[in-house]
N, C-alpha and C. Protein backbone atom coordinates (compact mmCIF):
# COMPACT_ATOMS: atom_id res chain seq x y z
N UNK A 1 114.88 213.87 -58.30
CA UNK A 1 116.05 213.23 -58.85
C UNK A 1 116.28 211.85 -57.94
N UNK A 2 115.59 209.98 -58.59
CA UNK A 2 115.83 209.66 -57.55
C UNK A 2 117.34 209.02 -57.67
N UNK A 3 118.08 208.20 -56.58
CA UNK A 3 119.04 208.17 -56.76
C UNK A 3 120.00 206.96 -57.35
N UNK A 4 120.65 206.85 -58.34
CA UNK A 4 121.16 205.44 -58.48
C UNK A 4 121.45 204.38 -58.33
N UNK A 5 120.80 203.45 -58.69
CA UNK A 5 120.60 202.49 -58.29
C UNK A 5 122.03 201.05 -57.70
N UNK A 6 123.76 201.67 -58.15
CA UNK A 6 124.60 201.51 -58.30
C UNK A 6 125.21 201.52 -57.04
N UNK A 7 124.56 202.87 -55.87
CA UNK A 7 124.74 203.05 -54.59
C UNK A 7 124.07 203.25 -53.98
N UNK A 8 122.78 201.78 -53.79
CA UNK A 8 122.52 201.28 -53.30
C UNK A 8 122.47 200.15 -52.74
N UNK A 9 122.18 200.03 -51.56
CA UNK A 9 122.64 198.54 -50.81
C UNK A 9 121.72 197.39 -51.24
N UNK A 10 122.05 196.62 -51.88
CA UNK A 10 121.68 195.53 -52.10
C UNK A 10 120.90 194.61 -51.26
N UNK A 11 121.59 194.16 -50.29
CA UNK A 11 121.46 192.87 -49.52
C UNK A 11 120.19 193.39 -48.72
N UNK A 12 119.26 192.19 -48.38
CA UNK A 12 118.65 192.73 -47.16
C UNK A 12 119.09 192.74 -45.95
N UNK A 13 119.82 191.65 -45.96
CA UNK A 13 120.65 191.83 -44.62
C UNK A 13 121.33 192.50 -44.20
N UNK A 14 121.91 193.71 -45.26
CA UNK A 14 122.95 195.01 -44.64
C UNK A 14 121.95 195.90 -44.40
N UNK A 15 121.02 195.66 -45.11
CA UNK A 15 119.77 196.98 -44.84
C UNK A 15 119.18 196.56 -43.54
N UNK A 16 119.26 195.66 -42.86
CA UNK A 16 118.59 195.48 -41.63
C UNK A 16 119.63 195.37 -40.63
N UNK A 17 121.01 195.26 -41.04
CA UNK A 17 121.73 196.13 -40.06
C UNK A 17 122.37 197.04 -39.79
N UNK A 18 121.98 197.90 -40.80
CA UNK A 18 122.16 199.39 -40.59
C UNK A 18 120.61 199.85 -39.82
N UNK A 19 119.52 199.63 -40.43
CA UNK A 19 118.38 200.31 -39.61
C UNK A 19 118.69 199.67 -37.95
N UNK A 20 118.71 198.41 -38.02
CA UNK A 20 119.10 198.18 -36.28
C UNK A 20 120.16 198.58 -35.68
N UNK A 21 120.96 198.60 -36.44
CA UNK A 21 122.43 199.32 -35.98
C UNK A 21 122.50 201.58 -35.04
N UNK A 22 121.09 201.84 -36.24
CA UNK A 22 121.26 203.10 -36.06
C UNK A 22 119.82 203.19 -35.05
N UNK A 23 118.90 201.97 -35.23
CA UNK A 23 118.16 202.86 -33.53
C UNK A 23 118.11 202.00 -32.91
N UNK A 24 118.76 201.13 -32.82
CA UNK A 24 119.41 200.33 -31.05
C UNK A 24 120.48 200.35 -30.61
N UNK A 25 121.07 200.56 -31.35
CA UNK A 25 122.86 200.59 -31.00
C UNK A 25 122.94 202.43 -30.77
N UNK A 26 122.48 203.16 -31.67
CA UNK A 26 122.43 204.32 -31.88
C UNK A 26 121.63 205.22 -30.60
N UNK A 27 120.78 204.71 -29.83
CA UNK A 27 119.97 204.87 -28.87
C UNK A 27 120.70 204.15 -27.37
N UNK A 28 121.91 203.46 -27.51
CA UNK A 28 122.51 202.59 -26.25
C UNK A 28 123.55 203.23 -26.50
N UNK A 29 123.94 204.12 -27.16
CA UNK A 29 124.98 204.95 -27.24
C UNK A 29 124.39 206.53 -26.46
N UNK A 30 123.44 206.92 -27.38
CA UNK A 30 123.15 207.98 -26.86
C UNK A 30 122.90 208.00 -25.10
N UNK A 31 122.50 206.80 -25.05
CA UNK A 31 121.79 206.92 -23.41
C UNK A 31 123.08 206.43 -22.46
N UNK A 32 124.06 205.69 -22.39
CA UNK A 32 125.29 205.80 -22.08
C UNK A 32 126.17 206.99 -21.97
N UNK A 33 126.38 207.66 -23.24
CA UNK A 33 126.52 208.71 -23.37
C UNK A 33 125.98 210.07 -22.57
N UNK A 34 124.85 210.18 -22.27
CA UNK A 34 124.24 210.98 -21.27
C UNK A 34 124.30 210.19 -20.08
N UNK A 35 124.65 208.71 -19.62
CA UNK A 35 124.72 209.04 -18.78
C UNK A 35 126.09 208.96 -17.93
N UNK A 36 127.31 209.20 -18.80
CA UNK A 36 128.89 209.45 -17.96
C UNK A 36 128.49 210.63 -18.16
N UNK A 37 127.95 211.60 -18.64
CA UNK A 37 128.10 213.12 -18.34
C UNK A 37 127.74 214.00 -17.14
N UNK A 38 126.85 213.65 -16.45
CA UNK A 38 126.77 213.71 -15.32
C UNK A 38 128.10 213.89 -13.82
N UNK A 39 128.43 212.44 -14.19
CA UNK A 39 129.20 211.96 -13.13
C UNK A 39 130.55 212.82 -13.50
N UNK A 40 130.78 213.13 -14.38
CA UNK A 40 131.88 214.24 -14.66
C UNK A 40 132.12 215.35 -15.17
N UNK A 41 131.46 216.02 -15.28
CA UNK A 41 130.79 217.53 -15.38
C UNK A 41 130.56 218.20 -13.76
N UNK A 42 130.52 219.06 -13.59
CA UNK A 42 130.61 219.81 -12.58
C UNK A 42 129.14 220.42 -11.84
N UNK A 43 128.29 220.21 -12.97
CA UNK A 43 126.81 220.77 -12.60
C UNK A 43 126.23 219.15 -12.89
N UNK A 44 125.74 218.47 -12.25
CA UNK A 44 124.55 217.01 -12.70
C UNK A 44 123.52 217.65 -12.77
N UNK A 45 122.99 218.29 -12.63
CA UNK A 45 121.31 219.23 -13.13
C UNK A 45 121.10 219.73 -14.08
N UNK A 46 121.97 220.22 -14.30
CA UNK A 46 121.79 221.10 -15.21
C UNK A 46 122.40 219.81 -16.61
N UNK A 47 123.08 219.24 -16.35
CA UNK A 47 123.06 218.45 -17.59
C UNK A 47 122.27 217.42 -17.89
N UNK A 48 121.64 216.91 -17.09
CA UNK A 48 120.24 216.32 -16.98
C UNK A 48 118.87 216.80 -17.57
N UNK A 49 119.27 218.19 -17.24
CA UNK A 49 117.48 219.04 -17.42
C UNK A 49 117.57 218.88 -19.53
N UNK A 50 119.39 219.54 -19.54
CA UNK A 50 119.87 219.90 -21.36
C UNK A 50 119.55 218.71 -21.87
N UNK A 51 119.62 217.36 -21.38
CA UNK A 51 120.22 216.22 -21.96
C UNK A 51 118.32 215.42 -22.92
N UNK A 52 117.57 216.43 -21.92
CA UNK A 52 115.97 215.79 -22.39
C UNK A 52 116.32 216.59 -23.68
N UNK A 53 116.95 217.69 -23.96
CA UNK A 53 116.71 218.06 -25.67
C UNK A 53 117.94 217.60 -26.50
N UNK A 54 119.16 217.38 -25.67
CA UNK A 54 120.21 217.07 -27.16
C UNK A 54 120.74 215.35 -26.96
N UNK A 55 119.31 214.07 -25.84
CA UNK A 55 119.62 213.36 -26.68
C UNK A 55 119.38 212.79 -27.80
N UNK A 56 117.68 213.36 -28.24
CA UNK A 56 117.34 213.53 -29.22
C UNK A 56 118.47 214.54 -30.76
N UNK A 57 119.16 214.83 -30.70
CA UNK A 57 119.78 215.08 -31.45
C UNK A 57 121.17 214.47 -31.51
N UNK A 58 121.62 214.40 -30.30
CA UNK A 58 122.24 212.92 -30.47
C UNK A 58 122.17 211.36 -31.46
N UNK A 59 120.96 210.90 -31.09
CA UNK A 59 120.47 209.99 -31.16
C UNK A 59 120.46 210.01 -32.98
N UNK A 60 119.65 211.35 -33.36
CA UNK A 60 119.52 211.13 -35.14
C UNK A 60 121.30 211.56 -35.80
N UNK A 61 122.14 211.98 -35.20
CA UNK A 61 123.46 211.69 -35.50
C UNK A 61 123.65 209.74 -35.48
N UNK A 62 122.76 209.08 -34.35
CA UNK A 62 124.13 207.72 -34.18
C UNK A 62 123.25 207.06 -35.30
N UNK A 63 121.89 207.74 -35.66
CA UNK A 63 121.01 207.22 -36.75
C UNK A 63 121.11 207.68 -38.03
N UNK A 64 122.09 208.17 -38.43
CA UNK A 64 121.65 208.22 -39.43
C UNK A 64 123.32 207.88 -40.07
N UNK A 65 124.04 208.07 -38.73
CA UNK A 65 126.00 207.46 -39.54
C UNK A 65 126.43 206.00 -39.84
N UNK A 66 125.27 205.14 -39.93
CA UNK A 66 125.15 203.78 -40.39
C UNK A 66 125.29 203.98 -41.83
N UNK A 67 124.34 204.36 -42.26
CA UNK A 67 123.91 205.03 -43.74
C UNK A 67 125.46 205.10 -44.23
N UNK A 68 126.45 206.04 -43.81
CA UNK A 68 127.60 206.45 -44.29
C UNK A 68 128.24 204.61 -44.78
N UNK A 69 128.11 203.89 -44.40
CA UNK A 69 129.29 202.76 -44.03
C UNK A 69 128.31 202.24 -45.37
N UNK A 70 129.51 201.51 -45.67
CA UNK A 70 129.17 199.86 -46.95
C UNK A 70 129.11 198.82 -46.32
N UNK A 71 129.12 198.52 -44.53
CA UNK A 71 128.84 197.25 -44.10
C UNK A 71 128.42 197.44 -42.59
N UNK A 72 127.11 197.55 -42.56
CA UNK A 72 126.29 197.27 -41.85
C UNK A 72 126.50 196.38 -41.04
N UNK A 73 127.79 195.50 -40.35
CA UNK A 73 128.58 194.53 -39.37
C UNK A 73 129.02 195.67 -38.66
N UNK A 74 129.61 195.76 -39.61
CA UNK A 74 131.07 196.83 -39.27
C UNK A 74 130.55 197.66 -38.21
N UNK A 75 129.58 198.29 -38.30
CA UNK A 75 128.97 199.70 -37.86
C UNK A 75 128.08 198.91 -36.32
N UNK A 76 128.18 197.78 -36.43
CA UNK A 76 127.49 196.97 -34.99
C UNK A 76 128.57 196.89 -34.41
N UNK A 77 130.09 196.34 -35.08
CA UNK A 77 130.83 195.78 -34.46
C UNK A 77 131.64 197.30 -33.46
N UNK A 78 131.41 198.73 -34.32
CA UNK A 78 132.20 199.80 -34.19
C UNK A 78 130.91 200.31 -32.71
N UNK A 79 129.82 200.21 -32.48
CA UNK A 79 129.07 200.81 -31.85
C UNK A 79 129.07 199.89 -30.91
N UNK A 80 129.26 198.67 -30.79
CA UNK A 80 129.46 198.22 -29.31
C UNK A 80 130.76 198.37 -28.90
N UNK A 81 131.95 198.23 -29.60
CA UNK A 81 132.73 198.60 -28.93
C UNK A 81 133.24 200.11 -27.82
N UNK A 82 132.13 201.20 -28.86
CA UNK A 82 131.74 202.22 -27.94
C UNK A 82 131.27 202.26 -27.06
N UNK A 83 129.88 201.35 -27.21
CA UNK A 83 129.19 201.00 -25.57
C UNK A 83 129.97 200.75 -24.31
N UNK A 84 130.84 199.62 -25.01
CA UNK A 84 132.23 198.93 -23.69
C UNK A 84 132.33 200.02 -23.66
N UNK A 85 132.89 200.99 -24.21
CA UNK A 85 134.18 201.95 -23.54
C UNK A 85 133.13 202.73 -22.52
N UNK A 86 131.78 203.22 -23.27
CA UNK A 86 131.55 203.95 -22.51
C UNK A 86 131.01 203.43 -21.19
N UNK A 87 130.61 202.33 -20.81
CA UNK A 87 129.99 201.77 -20.16
C UNK A 87 131.06 201.32 -18.66
N UNK A 88 131.93 200.90 -19.17
CA UNK A 88 133.57 201.08 -18.59
C UNK A 88 133.76 202.89 -17.82
N UNK A 89 133.53 203.56 -18.59
CA UNK A 89 133.67 205.00 -17.75
C UNK A 89 132.22 205.08 -16.88
N UNK A 90 131.31 204.66 -17.19
CA UNK A 90 130.39 205.18 -16.34
C UNK A 90 130.66 204.07 -15.14
N UNK A 91 130.85 202.90 -15.44
CA UNK A 91 131.01 201.71 -14.07
C UNK A 91 132.26 202.41 -12.93
N UNK A 92 133.38 203.27 -13.68
CA UNK A 92 134.33 204.06 -12.88
C UNK A 92 134.12 204.91 -12.39
N UNK A 93 133.46 205.60 -12.95
CA UNK A 93 132.89 207.15 -12.63
C UNK A 93 131.80 206.58 -11.27
N UNK A 94 130.89 205.53 -11.23
CA UNK A 94 130.15 205.26 -10.24
C UNK A 94 130.83 205.06 -9.19
N UNK A 95 132.64 204.43 -9.09
CA UNK A 95 133.03 204.01 -7.94
C UNK A 95 133.45 205.20 -7.27
N UNK A 96 133.63 205.80 -8.06
CA UNK A 96 134.50 207.26 -7.55
C UNK A 96 133.62 208.33 -7.21
N UNK A 97 132.44 208.19 -7.85
CA UNK A 97 131.74 209.31 -7.14
C UNK A 97 131.00 209.19 -5.62
N UNK A 98 131.38 210.06 -5.17
CA UNK A 98 130.46 210.36 -3.49
C UNK A 98 129.51 210.44 -3.24
N UNK A 99 128.62 210.74 -4.20
CA UNK A 99 127.41 210.99 -4.22
C UNK A 99 126.58 209.94 -4.08
N UNK A 100 127.25 208.66 -4.29
CA UNK A 100 126.13 207.35 -4.95
C UNK A 100 126.43 206.72 -3.78
């Protein structure tokens, strides 16, 4: 059964914003999240081994999430804010980690 056209995004810029937020922004968030996990969990080797599998699952979630919003640019703002927060967490963890 086809989707009702009134619920579909009409603007091509919104479509591009949602697709790029899902692909690029989702990958950046996934990578930063998996960089932060070994710094704060007790067994970093096990986290890195399982991240091979979990990175695809988390990226898929971040890929689908923008299509639930009406405005693709709001998703980009949210993804950038989360990326900055994760990067700060990563930098603080790298400074406090004695093994680096």
